[in-house]
PDB file of N, CA and C in Angstrom:
ATOM      1  N   UNK A   1     -15.811  15.809  23.617  1.00  0.00           N
ATOM      2  CA  UNK A   1     -14.389  15.576  23.494  1.00  0.00           C
ATOM      3  C   UNK A   1     -14.126  14.056  23.626  1.00  0.00           C
ATOM      4  N   UNK A   2     -13.282  13.553  22.694  1.00  0.00           N
ATOM      5  CA  UNK A   2     -12.984  12.101  22.733  1.00  0.00           C
ATOM      6  C   UNK A   2     -11.831  11.773  23.648  1.00  0.00           C
ATOM      7  N   UNK A   3     -11.900  10.675  24.251  1.00  0.00           N
ATOM      8  CA  UNK A   3     -10.790  10.279  25.138  1.00  0.00           C
ATOM      9  C   UNK A   3      -9.824   9.448  24.296  1.00  0.00           C
ATOM     10  N   UNK A   4      -8.658   9.133  24.855  1.00  0.00           N
ATOM     11  CA  UNK A   4      -7.618   8.430  24.130  1.00  0.00           C
ATOM     12  C   UNK A   4      -8.057   6.986  23.812  1.00  0.00           C
ATOM     13  N   UNK A   5      -9.036   6.499  24.559  1.00  0.00           N
ATOM     14  CA  UNK A   5      -9.524   5.181  24.300  1.00  0.00           C
ATOM     15  C   UNK A   5     -10.368   5.096  23.046  1.00  0.00           C
ATOM     16  N   UNK A   6     -10.968   6.212  22.638  1.00  0.00           N
ATOM     17  CA  UNK A   6     -11.730   6.263  21.399  1.00  0.00           C
ATOM     18  C   UNK A   6     -10.926   6.359  20.106  1.00  0.00           C
ATOM     19  N   UNK A   7      -9.694   6.727  20.281  1.00  0.00           N
ATOM     20  CA  UNK A   7      -8.833   6.928  19.119  1.00  0.00           C
ATOM     21  C   UNK A   7      -8.305   5.608  18.626  1.00  0.00           C
ATOM     22  N   UNK A   8      -8.119   5.465  17.289  1.00  0.00           N
ATOM     23  CA  UNK A   8      -7.592   4.174  16.753  1.00  0.00           C
ATOM     24  C   UNK A   8      -6.161   3.985  17.241  1.00  0.00           C
ATOM     25  N   UNK A   9      -5.801   2.698  17.371  1.00  0.00           N
ATOM     26  CA  UNK A   9      -4.401   2.342  17.789  1.00  0.00           C
ATOM     27  C   UNK A   9      -3.486   2.735  16.670  1.00  0.00           C
ATOM     28  N   UNK A  10      -2.426   3.427  17.052  1.00  0.00           N
ATOM     29  CA  UNK A  10      -1.388   3.784  16.109  1.00  0.00           C
ATOM     30  C   UNK A  10      -0.100   3.093  16.516  1.00  0.00           C
ATOM     31  N   UNK A  11       0.736   2.775  15.580  1.00  0.00           N
ATOM     32  CA  UNK A  11       2.039   2.199  15.958  1.00  0.00           C
ATOM     33  C   UNK A  11       2.897   3.187  16.704  1.00  0.00           C
ATOM     34  N   UNK A  12       3.719   2.766  17.626  1.00  0.00           N
ATOM     35  CA  UNK A  12       4.553   3.655  18.348  1.00  0.00           C
ATOM     36  C   UNK A  12       5.555   4.305  17.398  1.00  0.00           C
ATOM     37  N   UNK A  13       6.054   5.486  17.726  1.00  0.00           N
ATOM     38  CA  UNK A  13       6.937   6.252  16.893  1.00  0.00           C
ATOM     39  C   UNK A  13       8.250   5.472  16.650  1.00  0.00           C
ATOM     40  N   UNK A  14       8.619   4.670  17.624  1.00  0.00           N
ATOM     41  CA  UNK A  14       9.807   3.867  17.478  1.00  0.00           C
ATOM     42  C   UNK A  14       9.679   2.840  16.378  1.00  0.00           C
ATOM     43  N   UNK A  15       8.521   2.250  16.210  1.00  0.00           N
ATOM     44  CA  UNK A  15       8.291   1.299  15.125  1.00  0.00           C
ATOM     45  C   UNK A  15       8.344   1.986  13.753  1.00  0.00           C
ATOM     46  N   UNK A  16       7.746   3.126  13.679  1.00  0.00           N
ATOM     47  CA  UNK A  16       7.725   3.935  12.421  1.00  0.00           C
ATOM     48  C   UNK A  16       9.152   4.295  12.064  1.00  0.00           C
ATOM     49  N   UNK A  17       9.955   4.715  13.100  1.00  0.00           N
ATOM     50  CA  UNK A  17      11.291   5.149  12.861  1.00  0.00           C
ATOM     51  C   UNK A  17      12.166   3.970  12.400  1.00  0.00           C
ATOM     52  N   UNK A  18      11.931   2.768  12.930  1.00  0.00           N
ATOM     53  CA  UNK A  18      12.686   1.581  12.553  1.00  0.00           C
ATOM     54  C   UNK A  18      12.343   1.213  11.081  1.00  0.00           C
ATOM     55  N   UNK A  19      11.103   1.295  10.748  1.00  0.00           N
ATOM     56  CA  UNK A  19      10.691   0.945   9.393  1.00  0.00           C
ATOM     57  C   UNK A  19      11.294   1.875   8.360  1.00  0.00           C
ATOM     58  N   UNK A  20      11.335   3.169   8.715  1.00  0.00           N
ATOM     59  CA  UNK A  20      11.964   4.158   7.767  1.00  0.00           C
ATOM     60  C   UNK A  20      13.472   3.898   7.689  1.00  0.00           C
ATOM     61  N   UNK A  21      14.086   3.593   8.771  1.00  0.00           N
ATOM     62  CA  UNK A  21      15.534   3.273   8.745  1.00  0.00           C
ATOM     63  C   UNK A  21      15.850   2.082   7.863  1.00  0.00           C
ATOM     64  N   UNK A  22      15.028   1.022   8.043  1.00  0.00           N
ATOM     65  CA  UNK A  22      15.257  -0.188   7.199  1.00  0.00           C
ATOM     66  C   UNK A  22      15.055   0.092   5.764  1.00  0.00           C
ATOM     67  N   UNK A  23      14.007   0.837   5.473  1.00  0.00           N
ATOM     68  CA  UNK A  23      13.687   1.205   4.041  1.00  0.00           C
ATOM     69  C   UNK A  23      14.842   2.015   3.475  1.00  0.00           C
ATOM     70  N   UNK A  24      15.357   2.965   4.225  1.00  0.00           N
ATOM     71  CA  UNK A  24      16.464   3.797   3.691  1.00  0.00           C
ATOM     72  C   UNK A  24      17.709   2.952   3.445  1.00  0.00           C
ATOM     73  N   UNK A  25      18.064   2.040   4.330  1.00  0.00           N
ATOM     74  CA  UNK A  25      19.203   1.238   4.147  1.00  0.00           C
ATOM     75  C   UNK A  25      19.026   0.300   2.963  1.00  0.00           C
ATOM     76  N   UNK A  26      17.826  -0.232   2.789  1.00  0.00           N
ATOM     77  CA  UNK A  26      17.567  -1.116   1.619  1.00  0.00           C
ATOM     78  C   UNK A  26      17.691  -0.331   0.313  1.00  0.00           C
ATOM     79  N   UNK A  27      17.080   0.837   0.287  1.00  0.00           N
ATOM     80  CA  UNK A  27      17.184   1.658  -0.897  1.00  0.00           C
ATOM     81  C   UNK A  27      18.583   2.068  -1.196  1.00  0.00           C
ATOM     82  N   UNK A  28      19.404   2.336  -0.175  1.00  0.00           N
ATOM     83  CA  UNK A  28      20.814   2.662  -0.421  1.00  0.00           C
ATOM     84  C   UNK A  28      21.569   1.505  -0.943  1.00  0.00           C
ATOM     85  N   UNK A  29      21.301   0.289  -0.473  1.00  0.00           N
ATOM     86  CA  UNK A  29      21.991  -0.930  -0.988  1.00  0.00           C
ATOM     87  C   UNK A  29      21.607  -1.173  -2.433  1.00  0.00           C
ATOM     88  N   UNK A  30      20.349  -0.968  -2.786  1.00  0.00           N
ATOM     89  CA  UNK A  30      19.928  -1.159  -4.212  1.00  0.00           C
ATOM     90  C   UNK A  30      20.638  -0.137  -5.067  1.00  0.00           C
ATOM     91  N   UNK A  31      20.732   1.115  -4.632  1.00  0.00           N
ATOM     92  CA  UNK A  31      21.408   2.113  -5.384  1.00  0.00           C
ATOM     93  C   UNK A  31      22.918   1.794  -5.540  1.00  0.00           C
ATOM     94  N   UNK A  32      23.529   1.379  -4.454  1.00  0.00           N
ATOM     95  CA  UNK A  32      24.954   0.961  -4.522  1.00  0.00           C
ATOM     96  C   UNK A  32      25.192  -0.157  -5.536  1.00  0.00           C
ATOM     97  N   UNK A  33      24.375  -1.188  -5.462  1.00  0.00           N
ATOM     98  CA  UNK A  33      24.562  -2.283  -6.416  1.00  0.00           C
ATOM     99  C   UNK A  33      24.300  -1.814  -7.856  1.00  0.00           C
ATOM    100  N   UNK A  34      23.331  -0.905  -8.027  1.00  0.00           N
ATOM    101  CA  UNK A  34      23.014  -0.451  -9.390  1.00  0.00           C
ATOM    102  C   UNK A  34      24.159   0.365  -9.937  1.00  0.00           C
ATOM    103  N   UNK A  35      24.758   1.222  -9.168  1.00  0.00           N
ATOM    104  CA  UNK A  35      25.804   2.081  -9.665  1.00  0.00           C
ATOM    105  C   UNK A  35      27.174   1.431  -9.767  1.00  0.00           C
ATOM    106  N   UNK A  36      27.480   0.568  -8.831  1.00  0.00           N
ATOM    107  CA  UNK A  36      28.814  -0.037  -8.751  1.00  0.00           C
ATOM    108  C   UNK A  36      28.945  -1.419  -9.322  1.00  0.00           C
ATOM    109  N   UNK A  37      27.845  -2.095  -9.562  1.00  0.00           N
ATOM    110  CA  UNK A  37      27.878  -3.445 -10.109  1.00  0.00           C
ATOM    111  C   UNK A  37      26.872  -3.559 -11.307  1.00  0.00           C
ATOM    112  N   UNK A  38      26.909  -2.581 -12.190  1.00  0.00           N
ATOM    113  CA  UNK A  38      25.972  -2.538 -13.255  1.00  0.00           C
ATOM    114  C   UNK A  38      25.994  -3.779 -14.112  1.00  0.00           C
ATOM    115  N   UNK A  39      27.185  -4.235 -14.569  1.00  0.00           N
ATOM    116  CA  UNK A  39      27.318  -5.387 -15.423  1.00  0.00           C
ATOM    117  C   UNK A  39      26.803  -6.603 -14.794  1.00  0.00           C
ATOM    118  N   UNK A  40      27.151  -6.825 -13.541  1.00  0.00           N
ATOM    119  CA  UNK A  40      26.698  -8.021 -12.779  1.00  0.00           C
ATOM    120  C   UNK A  40      25.241  -8.101 -12.621  1.00  0.00           C
ATOM    121  N   UNK A  41      24.646  -6.899 -12.320  1.00  0.00           N
ATOM    122  CA  UNK A  41      23.177  -6.852 -12.157  1.00  0.00           C
ATOM    123  C   UNK A  41      22.464  -7.165 -13.462  1.00  0.00           C
ATOM    124  N   UNK A  42      22.908  -6.537 -14.602  1.00  0.00           N
ATOM    125  CA  UNK A  42      22.280  -6.865 -15.842  1.00  0.00           C
ATOM    126  C   UNK A  42      22.443  -8.313 -16.226  1.00  0.00           C
ATOM    127  N   UNK A  43      23.586  -8.893 -15.874  1.00  0.00           N
ATOM    128  CA  UNK A  43      23.777 -10.329 -16.181  1.00  0.00           C
ATOM    129  C   UNK A  43      22.853 -11.203 -15.347  1.00  0.00           C
ATOM    130  N   UNK A  44      22.605 -10.796 -14.109  1.00  0.00           N
ATOM    131  CA  UNK A  44      21.698 -11.614 -13.248  1.00  0.00           C
ATOM    132  C   UNK A  44      20.260 -11.385 -13.475  1.00  0.00           C
ATOM    133  N   UNK A  45      19.904 -10.260 -14.207  1.00  0.00           N
ATOM    134  CA  UNK A  45      18.558  -9.924 -14.503  1.00  0.00           C
ATOM    135  C   UNK A  45      18.095 -10.783 -15.691  1.00  0.00           C
ATOM    136  N   UNK A  46      17.331 -11.834 -15.466  1.00  0.00           N
ATOM    137  CA  UNK A  46      17.000 -12.812 -16.466  1.00  0.00           C
ATOM    138  C   UNK A  46      15.577 -12.535 -16.998  1.00  0.00           C
ATOM    139  N   UNK A  47      15.395 -11.379 -17.494  1.00  0.00           N
ATOM    140  CA  UNK A  47      14.117 -10.946 -18.057  1.00  0.00           C
ATOM    141  C   UNK A  47      14.383  -9.984 -19.179  1.00  0.00           C
ATOM    142  N   UNK A  48      13.329  -9.414 -19.679  1.00  0.00           N
ATOM    143  CA  UNK A  48      13.409  -8.469 -20.809  1.00  0.00           C
ATOM    144  C   UNK A  48      12.705  -7.186 -20.446  1.00  0.00           C
ATOM    145  N   UNK A  49      13.295  -6.078 -20.774  1.00  0.00           N
ATOM    146  CA  UNK A  49      12.610  -4.787 -20.660  1.00  0.00           C
ATOM    147  C   UNK A  49      12.767  -4.024 -21.973  1.00  0.00           C
ATOM    148  N   UNK A  50      11.703  -3.383 -22.377  1.00  0.00           N
ATOM    149  CA  UNK A  50      11.706  -2.602 -23.577  1.00  0.00           C
ATOM    150  C   UNK A  50      12.776  -1.540 -23.591  1.00  0.00           C
ATOM    151  N   UNK A  51      12.973  -0.931 -22.433  1.00  0.00           N
ATOM    152  CA  UNK A  51      13.920   0.186 -22.292  1.00  0.00           C
ATOM    153  C   UNK A  51      15.278  -0.293 -21.761  1.00  0.00           C
ATOM    154  N   UNK A  52      15.559  -1.524 -21.843  1.00  0.00           N
ATOM    155  CA  UNK A  52      16.829  -2.092 -21.238  1.00  0.00           C
ATOM    156  C   UNK A  52      18.029  -1.591 -22.045  1.00  0.00           C
ATOM    157  N   UNK A  53      18.983  -1.014 -21.313  1.00  0.00           N
ATOM    158  CA  UNK A  53      20.197  -0.555 -21.924  1.00  0.00           C
ATOM    159  C   UNK A  53      21.355  -0.954 -20.986  1.00  0.00           C
ATOM    160  N   UNK A  54      22.042  -2.050 -21.333  1.00  0.00           N
ATOM    161  CA  UNK A  54      23.184  -2.533 -20.474  1.00  0.00           C
ATOM    162  C   UNK A  54      24.264  -1.517 -20.247  1.00  0.00           C
ATOM    163  N   UNK A  55      24.308  -0.471 -21.035  1.00  0.00           N
ATOM    164  CA  UNK A  55      25.343   0.579 -20.854  1.00  0.00           C
ATOM    165  C   UNK A  55      25.047   1.512 -19.732  1.00  0.00           C
ATOM    166  N   UNK A  56      23.797   1.537 -19.303  1.00  0.00           N
ATOM    167  CA  UNK A  56      23.351   2.442 -18.203  1.00  0.00           C
ATOM    168  C   UNK A  56      23.097   1.650 -16.938  1.00  0.00           C
ATOM    169  N   UNK A  57      23.281   2.270 -15.767  1.00  0.00           N
ATOM    170  CA  UNK A  57      22.935   1.552 -14.510  1.00  0.00           C
ATOM    171  C   UNK A  57      21.422   1.168 -14.499  1.00  0.00           C
ATOM    172  N   UNK A  58      21.117  -0.005 -13.983  1.00  0.00           N
ATOM    173  CA  UNK A  58      19.724  -0.428 -13.919  1.00  0.00           C
ATOM    174  C   UNK A  58      18.947   0.312 -12.806  1.00  0.00           C
ATOM    175  N   UNK A  59      17.695   0.264 -12.858  1.00  0.00           N
ATOM    176  CA  UNK A  59      16.902   0.853 -11.786  1.00  0.00           C
ATOM    177  C   UNK A  59      16.909   0.010 -10.532  1.00  0.00           C
ATOM    178  N   UNK A  60      16.392   0.522  -9.464  1.00  0.00           N
ATOM    179  CA  UNK A  60      16.355  -0.239  -8.198  1.00  0.00           C
ATOM    180  C   UNK A  60      15.405  -1.485  -8.371  1.00  0.00           C
ATOM    181  N   UNK A  61      14.409  -1.343  -9.204  1.00  0.00           N
ATOM    182  CA  UNK A  61      13.450  -2.461  -9.431  1.00  0.00           C
ATOM    183  C   UNK A  61      14.203  -3.613 -10.121  1.00  0.00           C
ATOM    184  N   UNK A  62      15.079  -3.300 -11.069  1.00  0.00           N
ATOM    185  CA  UNK A  62      15.845  -4.328 -11.785  1.00  0.00           C
ATOM    186  C   UNK A  62      16.796  -5.005 -10.823  1.00  0.00           C
ATOM    187  N   UNK A  63      17.410  -4.199  -9.954  1.00  0.00           N
ATOM    188  CA  UNK A  63      18.352  -4.750  -8.997  1.00  0.00           C
ATOM    189  C   UNK A  63      17.652  -5.682  -8.088  1.00  0.00           C
ATOM    190  N   UNK A  64      16.458  -5.248  -7.557  1.00  0.00           N
ATOM    191  CA  UNK A  64      15.681  -6.084  -6.618  1.00  0.00           C
ATOM    192  C   UNK A  64      15.252  -7.414  -7.325  1.00  0.00           C
ATOM    193  N   UNK A  65      14.864  -7.349  -8.570  1.00  0.00           N
ATOM    194  CA  UNK A  65      14.503  -8.540  -9.333  1.00  0.00           C
ATOM    195  C   UNK A  65      15.675  -9.453  -9.437  1.00  0.00           C
ATOM    196  N   UNK A  66      16.824  -8.895  -9.809  1.00  0.00           N
ATOM    197  CA  UNK A  66      18.025  -9.728  -9.938  1.00  0.00           C
ATOM    198  C   UNK A  66      18.445 -10.417  -8.654  1.00  0.00           C
ATOM    199  N   UNK A  67      18.311  -9.670  -7.546  1.00  0.00           N
ATOM    200  CA  UNK A  67      18.622 -10.261  -6.207  1.00  0.00           C
ATOM    201  C   UNK A  67      17.609 -11.357  -5.874  1.00  0.00           C
ATOM    202  N   UNK A  68      16.386 -11.105  -6.143  1.00  0.00           N
ATOM    203  CA  UNK A  68      15.363 -12.093  -5.800  1.00  0.00           C
ATOM    204  C   UNK A  68      15.586 -13.415  -6.385  1.00  0.00           C
ATOM    205  N   UNK A  69      16.080 -13.413  -7.627  1.00  0.00           N
ATOM    206  CA  UNK A  69      16.289 -14.687  -8.339  1.00  0.00           C
ATOM    207  C   UNK A  69      17.775 -15.156  -8.282  1.00  0.00           C
ATOM    208  N   UNK A  70      18.687 -14.319  -7.821  1.00  0.00           N
ATOM    209  CA  UNK A  70      20.064 -14.682  -7.698  1.00  0.00           C
ATOM    210  C   UNK A  70      20.527 -15.199  -6.357  1.00  0.00           C
ATOM    211  N   UNK A  71      19.851 -14.745  -5.281  1.00  0.00           N
ATOM    212  CA  UNK A  71      20.303 -15.150  -4.013  1.00  0.00           C
ATOM    213  C   UNK A  71      20.147 -16.627  -3.690  1.00  0.00           C
ATOM    214  N   UNK A  72      19.078 -17.311  -4.125  1.00  0.00           N
ATOM    215  CA  UNK A  72      19.011 -18.708  -3.874  1.00  0.00           C
ATOM    216  C   UNK A  72      20.216 -19.524  -4.445  1.00  0.00           C
ATOM    217  N   UNK A  73      20.599 -19.160  -5.658  1.00  0.00           N
ATOM    218  CA  UNK A  73      21.769 -19.871  -6.210  1.00  0.00           C
ATOM    219  C   UNK A  73      23.036 -19.563  -5.488  1.00  0.00           C
ATOM    220  N   UNK A  74      23.155 -18.356  -4.999  1.00  0.00           N
ATOM    221  CA  UNK A  74      24.327 -17.937  -4.214  1.00  0.00           C
ATOM    222  C   UNK A  74      24.408 -18.807  -2.934  1.00  0.00           C
ATOM    223  N   UNK A  75      23.337 -18.926  -2.219  1.00  0.00           N
ATOM    224  CA  UNK A  75      23.327 -19.711  -0.966  1.00  0.00           C
ATOM    225  C   UNK A  75      23.439 -21.164  -1.273  1.00  0.00           C
ATOM    226  N   UNK A  76      22.920 -21.666  -2.335  1.00  0.00           N
ATOM    227  CA  UNK A  76      23.029 -23.123  -2.714  1.00  0.00           C
ATOM    228  C   UNK A  76      24.445 -23.479  -3.036  1.00  0.00           C
ATOM    229  N   UNK A  77      25.245 -22.570  -3.520  1.00  0.00           N
ATOM    230  CA  UNK A  77      26.604 -22.863  -3.952  1.00  0.00           C
ATOM    231  C   UNK A  77      27.649 -22.698  -2.793  1.00  0.00           C
ATOM    232  N   UNK A  78      27.229 -22.255  -1.646  1.00  0.00           N
ATOM    233  CA  UNK A  78      28.168 -22.003  -0.552  1.00  0.00           C
ATOM    234  C   UNK A  78      28.105 -23.133   0.523  1.00  0.00           C
ATOM    235  N   UNK A  79      29.238 -23.331   1.087  1.00  0.00           N
ATOM    236  CA  UNK A  79      29.300 -24.207   2.250  1.00  0.00           C
ATOM    237  C   UNK A  79      28.950 -23.404   3.507  1.00  0.00           C
ATOM    238  N   UNK A  80      27.904 -23.782   4.200  1.00  0.00           N
ATOM    239  CA  UNK A  80      27.428 -23.023   5.348  1.00  0.00           C
ATOM    240  C   UNK A  80      27.429 -23.833   6.604  1.00  0.00           C
ATOM    241  N   UNK A  81      27.373 -23.060   7.695  1.00  0.00           N
ATOM    242  CA  UNK A  81      27.252 -23.727   8.969  1.00  0.00           C
ATOM    243  C   UNK A  81      25.846 -24.387   9.098  1.00  0.00           C
ATOM    244  N   UNK A  82      25.760 -25.444   9.862  1.00  0.00           N
ATOM    245  CA  UNK A  82      24.439 -26.156   9.965  1.00  0.00           C
ATOM    246  C   UNK A  82      23.317 -25.266  10.471  1.00  0.00           C
ATOM    247  N   UNK A  83      23.611 -24.336  11.397  1.00  0.00           N
ATOM    248  CA  UNK A  83      22.569 -23.464  11.921  1.00  0.00           C
ATOM    249  C   UNK A  83      22.000 -22.541  10.860  1.00  0.00           C
ATOM    250  N   UNK A  84      22.874 -22.012   9.985  1.00  0.00           N
ATOM    251  CA  UNK A  84      22.444 -21.190   8.938  1.00  0.00           C
ATOM    252  C   UNK A  84      21.626 -21.932   7.867  1.00  0.00           C
ATOM    253  N   UNK A  85      22.040 -23.172   7.600  1.00  0.00           N
ATOM    254  CA  UNK A  85      21.315 -24.028   6.683  1.00  0.00           C
ATOM    255  C   UNK A  85      19.899 -24.297   7.169  1.00  0.00           C
ATOM    256  N   UNK A  86      19.744 -24.501   8.493  1.00  0.00           N
ATOM    257  CA  UNK A  86      18.458 -24.754   9.080  1.00  0.00           C
ATOM    258  C   UNK A  86      17.538 -23.526   8.917  1.00  0.00           C
ATOM    259  N   UNK A  87      18.076 -22.316   9.179  1.00  0.00           N
ATOM    260  CA  UNK A  87      17.294 -21.116   9.021  1.00  0.00           C
ATOM    261  C   UNK A  87      16.853 -20.955   7.587  1.00  0.00           C
ATOM    262  N   UNK A  88      17.784 -21.113   6.669  1.00  0.00           N
ATOM    263  CA  UNK A  88      17.466 -20.871   5.257  1.00  0.00           C
ATOM    264  C   UNK A  88      16.493 -21.922   4.728  1.00  0.00           C
ATOM    265  N   UNK A  89      16.606 -23.167   5.266  1.00  0.00           N
ATOM    266  CA  UNK A  89      15.706 -24.192   4.799  1.00  0.00           C
ATOM    267  C   UNK A  89      14.214 -23.872   5.067  1.00  0.00           C
ATOM    268  N   UNK A  90      13.947 -23.171   6.118  1.00  0.00           N
ATOM    269  CA  UNK A  90      12.621 -22.762   6.470  1.00  0.00           C
ATOM    270  C   UNK A  90      11.993 -21.888   5.428  1.00  0.00           C
ATOM    271  N   UNK A  91      12.812 -21.079   4.756  1.00  0.00           N
ATOM    272  CA  UNK A  91      12.359 -20.082   3.795  1.00  0.00           C
ATOM    273  C   UNK A  91      12.607 -20.504   2.356  1.00  0.00           C
ATOM    274  N   UNK A  92      13.129 -21.689   2.158  1.00  0.00           N
ATOM    275  CA  UNK A  92      13.588 -22.083   0.864  1.00  0.00           C
ATOM    276  C   UNK A  92      12.520 -22.311  -0.177  1.00  0.00           C
ATOM    277  N   UNK A  93      11.678 -23.287   0.083  1.00  0.00           N
ATOM    278  CA  UNK A  93      10.737 -23.725  -0.937  1.00  0.00           C
ATOM    279  C   UNK A  93       9.361 -23.090  -0.783  1.00  0.00           C
ATOM    280  N   UNK A  94       8.697 -22.826  -1.861  1.00  0.00           N
ATOM    281  CA  UNK A  94       7.378 -22.293  -1.802  1.00  0.00           C
ATOM    282  C   UNK A  94       6.477 -23.407  -1.348  1.00  0.00           C
ATOM    283  N   UNK A  95       5.269 -23.077  -0.925  1.00  0.00           N
ATOM    284  CA  UNK A  95       4.267 -24.083  -0.508  1.00  0.00           C
ATOM    285  C   UNK A  95       3.921 -24.965  -1.695  1.00  0.00           C
ATOM    286  N   UNK A  96       3.674 -26.274  -1.398  1.00  0.00           N
ATOM    287  CA  UNK A  96       3.246 -27.157  -2.477  1.00  0.00           C
ATOM    288  C   UNK A  96       4.397 -27.883  -3.119  1.00  0.00           C
ATOM    289  N   UNK A  97       5.549 -27.820  -2.509  1.00  0.00           N
ATOM    290  CA  UNK A  97       6.755 -28.558  -3.060  1.00  0.00           C
ATOM    291  C   UNK A  97       7.210 -28.000  -4.373  1.00  0.00           C
ATOM    292  N   UNK A  98       7.331 -26.693  -4.453  1.00  0.00           N
ATOM    293  CA  UNK A  98       7.843 -26.112  -5.682  1.00  0.00           C
ATOM    294  C   UNK A  98       9.319 -26.463  -5.928  1.00  0.00           C
ATOM    295  N   UNK A  99       9.768 -26.110  -7.095  1.00  0.00           N
ATOM    296  CA  UNK A  99      11.135 -26.447  -7.499  1.00  0.00           C
ATOM    297  C   UNK A  99      12.106 -25.606  -6.657  1.00  0.00           C
ATOM    298  N   UNK A 100      13.322 -26.137  -6.459  1.00  0.00           N
ATOM    299  CA  UNK A 100      14.352 -25.331  -5.758  1.00  0.00           C
ATOM    300  C   UNK A 100      14.612 -24.015  -6.479  1.00  0.00           C
ATOM    301  N   UNK A 101      14.906 -23.051  -5.689  1.00  0.00           N
ATOM    302  CA  UNK A 101      15.189 -21.761  -6.267  1.00  0.00           C
ATOM    303  C   UNK A 101      14.006 -20.777  -6.043  1.00  0.00           C
ATOM    304  N   UNK A 102      12.875 -21.277  -5.761  1.00  0.00           N
ATOM    305  CA  UNK A 102      11.725 -20.388  -5.479  1.00  0.00           C
ATOM    306  C   UNK A 102      11.618 -20.236  -3.946  1.00  0.00           C
ATOM    307  N   UNK A 103      11.959 -19.080  -3.532  1.00  0.00           N
ATOM    308  CA  UNK A 103      11.963 -18.772  -2.119  1.00  0.00           C
ATOM    309  C   UNK A 103      10.701 -17.992  -1.674  1.00  0.00           C
ATOM    310  N   UNK A 104      10.377 -18.252  -0.447  1.00  0.00           N
ATOM    311  CA  UNK A 104       9.238 -17.522   0.131  1.00  0.00           C
ATOM    312  C   UNK A 104       9.694 -17.013   1.490  1.00  0.00           C
ATOM    313  N   UNK A 105       9.432 -15.790   1.771  1.00  0.00           N
ATOM    314  CA  UNK A 105       9.830 -15.217   3.037  1.00  0.00           C
ATOM    315  C   UNK A 105       8.713 -15.358   4.030  1.00  0.00           C
TER     316      UNK A 105
END
């Protein structure tokens, strides 16, 4: 019989529950944006899809892509508190001095 020390480490149930909660909230936000802001999402989606139909709500993948490339411009155009600017500056540019607008988390 194996002791608990022989078993692999597993994340605590609280961690798993938190991750599921965050995933569910993110998925819900993507669905909300897809269904209620269809025109804006398609306008922000700067790519091409073979099956693209602006008359229908976009998929969550399209919404995520539009957010990924739209959020930097949103933050760049806003007047923010200095503390928020400092936080965002840490995540702003990709390694190697890339152009503005390419964010890395």
